């Protein structure tokens, strides 16, 4: 008797479907926009929208406690969030004496699983810029302002894929009128 696919198998299928769909999305954006900067901005904006919604799912499914430092937050992003949603665990390194700049280094980036290289005419395209927006949006929802950018990209010939996170300050409390 065979058993129905488990949660892990379903999650893997969802991740593969997301990766394939993401490639089609980027291809369509490249057709819609002449400039790579416009595609990059669009991907960041889409990611931001995903991040502000994804944080609720992340907090509910992970049952994590409140992080007490930027270092804990960076570790949580790498060890829990990336693992949960993309099935990879980036290495985290602190890049500043102030302790507010971190790098997430991915040896393997699942979003580029089916992409060999960027076309020469798309050299300034940041193919995975959606990830930067997701991280920034999720952090903002837990009241942490941050700049998130790609520092290195295997698709552009770098040895690794590296995402930089600079925590700017705690976002100020805002009262929302509903």
Protein backbone atom coordinates (compact mmCIF):
# COMPACT_ATOMS: atom_id res chain seq x y z
CA UNK A 1 0.00 0.00 0.00
CA UNK A 2 1.43 3.36 -0.95
CA UNK A 3 0.99 6.35 1.26
CA UNK A 4 0.06 9.81 0.06
CA UNK A 5 2.92 12.25 -0.48
CA UNK A 6 4.10 13.80 2.76
CA UNK A 7 4.45 17.48 3.55
CA UNK A 8 8.14 17.42 2.63
CA UNK A 9 7.41 15.99 -0.86
CA UNK A 10 4.61 18.51 -1.39
CA UNK A 11 6.92 21.33 -0.28
CA UNK A 12 9.59 20.15 -2.75
CA UNK A 13 7.06 20.10 -5.60
CA UNK A 14 5.88 23.60 -4.63
CA UNK A 15 9.47 24.85 -4.59
CA UNK A 16 10.18 23.36 -8.04
CA UNK A 17 6.98 24.86 -9.42
CA UNK A 18 7.93 28.23 -7.94
CA UNK A 19 11.41 28.06 -9.53
CA UNK A 20 9.97 27.24 -12.97
CA UNK A 21 7.27 29.90 -12.66
CA UNK A 22 9.83 32.43 -11.46
CA UNK A 23 11.95 31.88 -14.57
CA UNK A 24 8.91 32.53 -16.76
CA UNK A 25 8.11 35.66 -14.76
CA UNK A 26 11.62 37.08 -15.20
CA UNK A 27 11.55 36.25 -18.91
CA UNK A 28 8.23 38.10 -19.30
CA UNK A 29 9.52 41.13 -17.38
CA UNK A 30 12.56 41.22 -19.66
CA UNK A 31 10.16 41.37 -22.63
CA UNK A 32 8.06 44.08 -20.97
CA UNK A 33 10.94 46.33 -19.90
CA UNK A 34 13.88 47.43 -22.02
CA UNK A 35 16.11 48.43 -19.09
CA UNK A 36 17.47 45.90 -16.61
CA UNK A 37 17.11 48.50 -13.86
CA UNK A 38 13.34 48.54 -14.46
CA UNK A 39 13.19 44.73 -14.24
CA UNK A 40 15.30 44.82 -11.07
CA UNK A 41 12.99 47.42 -9.51
CA UNK A 42 9.90 45.41 -10.47
CA UNK A 43 11.33 42.20 -8.98
CA UNK A 44 12.27 44.02 -5.77
CA UNK A 45 8.79 45.54 -5.52
CA UNK A 46 7.14 42.15 -6.09
CA UNK A 47 9.41 40.54 -3.51
CA UNK A 48 8.61 43.27 -1.02
CA UNK A 49 4.90 42.53 -1.42
CA UNK A 50 5.55 38.83 -0.90
CA UNK A 51 7.73 39.52 2.16
CA UNK A 52 5.12 41.62 3.95
CA UNK A 53 2.65 38.77 3.54
CA UNK A 54 5.05 35.86 4.05
CA UNK A 55 6.18 36.99 7.50
CA UNK A 56 2.87 35.92 9.06
CA UNK A 57 3.24 32.42 7.60
CA UNK A 58 6.86 32.28 8.71
CA UNK A 59 6.09 33.32 12.29
CA UNK A 60 3.17 30.89 12.54
CA UNK A 61 4.99 27.89 11.05
CA UNK A 62 8.37 28.40 12.67
CA UNK A 63 7.21 29.40 16.17
CA UNK A 64 10.44 31.37 16.60
CA UNK A 65 11.01 33.72 19.50
CA UNK A 66 11.78 37.41 19.10
CA UNK A 67 15.38 38.00 18.02
CA UNK A 68 17.42 40.12 20.41
CA UNK A 69 20.11 41.25 18.00
CA UNK A 70 20.83 41.85 14.33
CA UNK A 71 23.09 38.81 14.43
CA UNK A 72 20.25 36.58 15.67
CA UNK A 73 17.98 38.02 13.00
CA UNK A 74 20.48 37.28 10.21
CA UNK A 75 20.92 33.74 11.53
CA UNK A 76 17.15 33.27 11.68
CA UNK A 77 16.79 34.38 8.06
CA UNK A 78 19.48 31.96 6.92
CA UNK A 79 18.91 28.94 9.12
CA UNK A 80 15.13 28.97 9.37
CA UNK A 81 13.53 31.08 6.62
CA UNK A 82 15.77 30.12 3.69
CA UNK A 83 15.66 26.48 4.78
CA UNK A 84 11.88 26.57 5.18
CA UNK A 85 11.03 28.22 1.88
CA UNK A 86 13.93 27.43 -0.46
CA UNK A 87 15.48 24.34 1.08
CA UNK A 88 18.96 25.86 1.43
CA UNK A 89 20.89 27.30 4.35
CA UNK A 90 23.17 30.21 3.48
CA UNK A 91 26.32 30.92 5.45
CA UNK A 92 26.09 34.12 7.49
CA UNK A 93 28.99 36.48 7.99
CA UNK A 94 29.11 39.81 9.78
CA UNK A 95 30.69 42.54 7.66
CA UNK A 96 30.94 45.44 10.11
CA UNK A 97 32.36 46.28 13.49
CA UNK A 98 29.03 47.91 14.36
CA UNK A 99 27.34 44.52 13.91
CA UNK A 100 24.64 45.77 11.57
CA UNK A 101 25.92 44.49 8.19
CA UNK A 102 25.68 40.83 7.22
CA UNK A 103 26.12 38.67 4.18
CA UNK A 104 24.10 35.61 3.32
CA UNK A 105 26.30 33.44 1.12
CA UNK A 106 24.57 30.80 -0.97
CA UNK A 107 26.67 28.05 -2.47
CA UNK A 108 23.52 26.83 -4.19
CA UNK A 109 20.69 29.14 -5.26
CA UNK A 110 17.52 27.20 -6.09
CA UNK A 111 16.06 30.11 -8.08
CA UNK A 112 18.73 29.66 -10.75
CA UNK A 113 18.47 25.88 -10.90
CA UNK A 114 17.33 25.98 -14.54
CA UNK A 115 19.36 29.04 -15.61
CA UNK A 116 22.85 28.63 -17.00
CA UNK A 117 23.81 32.26 -17.59
CA UNK A 118 22.37 35.68 -18.30
CA UNK A 119 22.34 36.88 -21.90
CA UNK A 120 25.11 39.40 -22.65
CA UNK A 121 22.54 42.13 -23.31
CA UNK A 122 21.13 41.59 -19.79
CA UNK A 123 24.43 41.99 -17.92
CA UNK A 124 22.99 44.35 -15.29
CA UNK A 125 19.92 42.19 -14.62
CA UNK A 126 19.71 41.04 -11.02
CA UNK A 127 17.82 37.82 -11.76
CA UNK A 128 17.05 36.98 -8.12
CA UNK A 129 16.26 40.50 -6.95
CA UNK A 130 12.91 39.18 -5.73
CA UNK A 131 14.78 37.70 -2.74
CA UNK A 132 16.04 41.13 -1.69
CA UNK A 133 12.50 42.49 -1.72
CA UNK A 134 11.16 39.50 0.25
CA UNK A 135 13.78 39.93 2.97
CA UNK A 136 13.30 43.71 3.14
CA UNK A 137 9.49 43.43 3.27
CA UNK A 138 9.51 40.74 5.96
CA UNK A 139 12.00 42.69 8.07
CA UNK A 140 9.95 45.85 7.79
CA UNK A 141 6.90 43.99 9.09
CA UNK A 142 8.81 43.13 12.26
CA UNK A 143 9.87 46.78 12.43
CA UNK A 144 13.44 46.43 11.22
CA UNK A 145 14.48 48.78 8.44
CA UNK A 146 17.16 47.31 6.18
CA UNK A 147 18.86 47.71 2.84
CA UNK A 148 19.11 44.39 1.03
CA UNK A 149 21.20 44.02 -2.13
CA UNK A 150 23.05 41.44 -4.17
CA UNK A 151 26.79 41.76 -3.65
CA UNK A 152 27.85 38.78 -5.77
CA UNK A 153 26.00 36.58 -8.22
CA UNK A 154 27.06 33.23 -9.69
CA UNK A 155 25.03 34.09 -12.80
CA UNK A 156 27.44 36.98 -13.35
CA UNK A 157 30.55 34.85 -12.93
CA UNK A 158 31.13 35.32 -9.20
CA UNK A 159 32.25 32.34 -7.13
CA UNK A 160 29.18 32.52 -4.87
CA UNK A 161 25.84 34.27 -4.60
CA UNK A 162 25.97 36.82 -1.79
CA UNK A 163 23.11 38.91 -0.44
CA UNK A 164 24.03 41.88 1.73
CA UNK A 165 21.77 43.01 4.56
CA UNK A 166 22.41 46.32 6.29
CA UNK A 167 20.15 46.99 9.26
CA UNK A 168 19.50 50.72 9.32
CA UNK A 169 17.59 51.18 12.56
CA UNK A 170 14.51 49.89 14.23
CA UNK A 171 11.58 51.19 12.27
CA UNK A 172 9.50 53.55 14.32
CA UNK A 173 6.21 52.40 15.75
CA UNK A 174 3.38 53.36 13.51
CA UNK A 175 -0.25 53.54 14.33
CA UNK A 176 -2.34 52.24 11.48
CA UNK A 177 -5.76 53.73 10.93
CA UNK A 178 -8.24 51.14 9.80
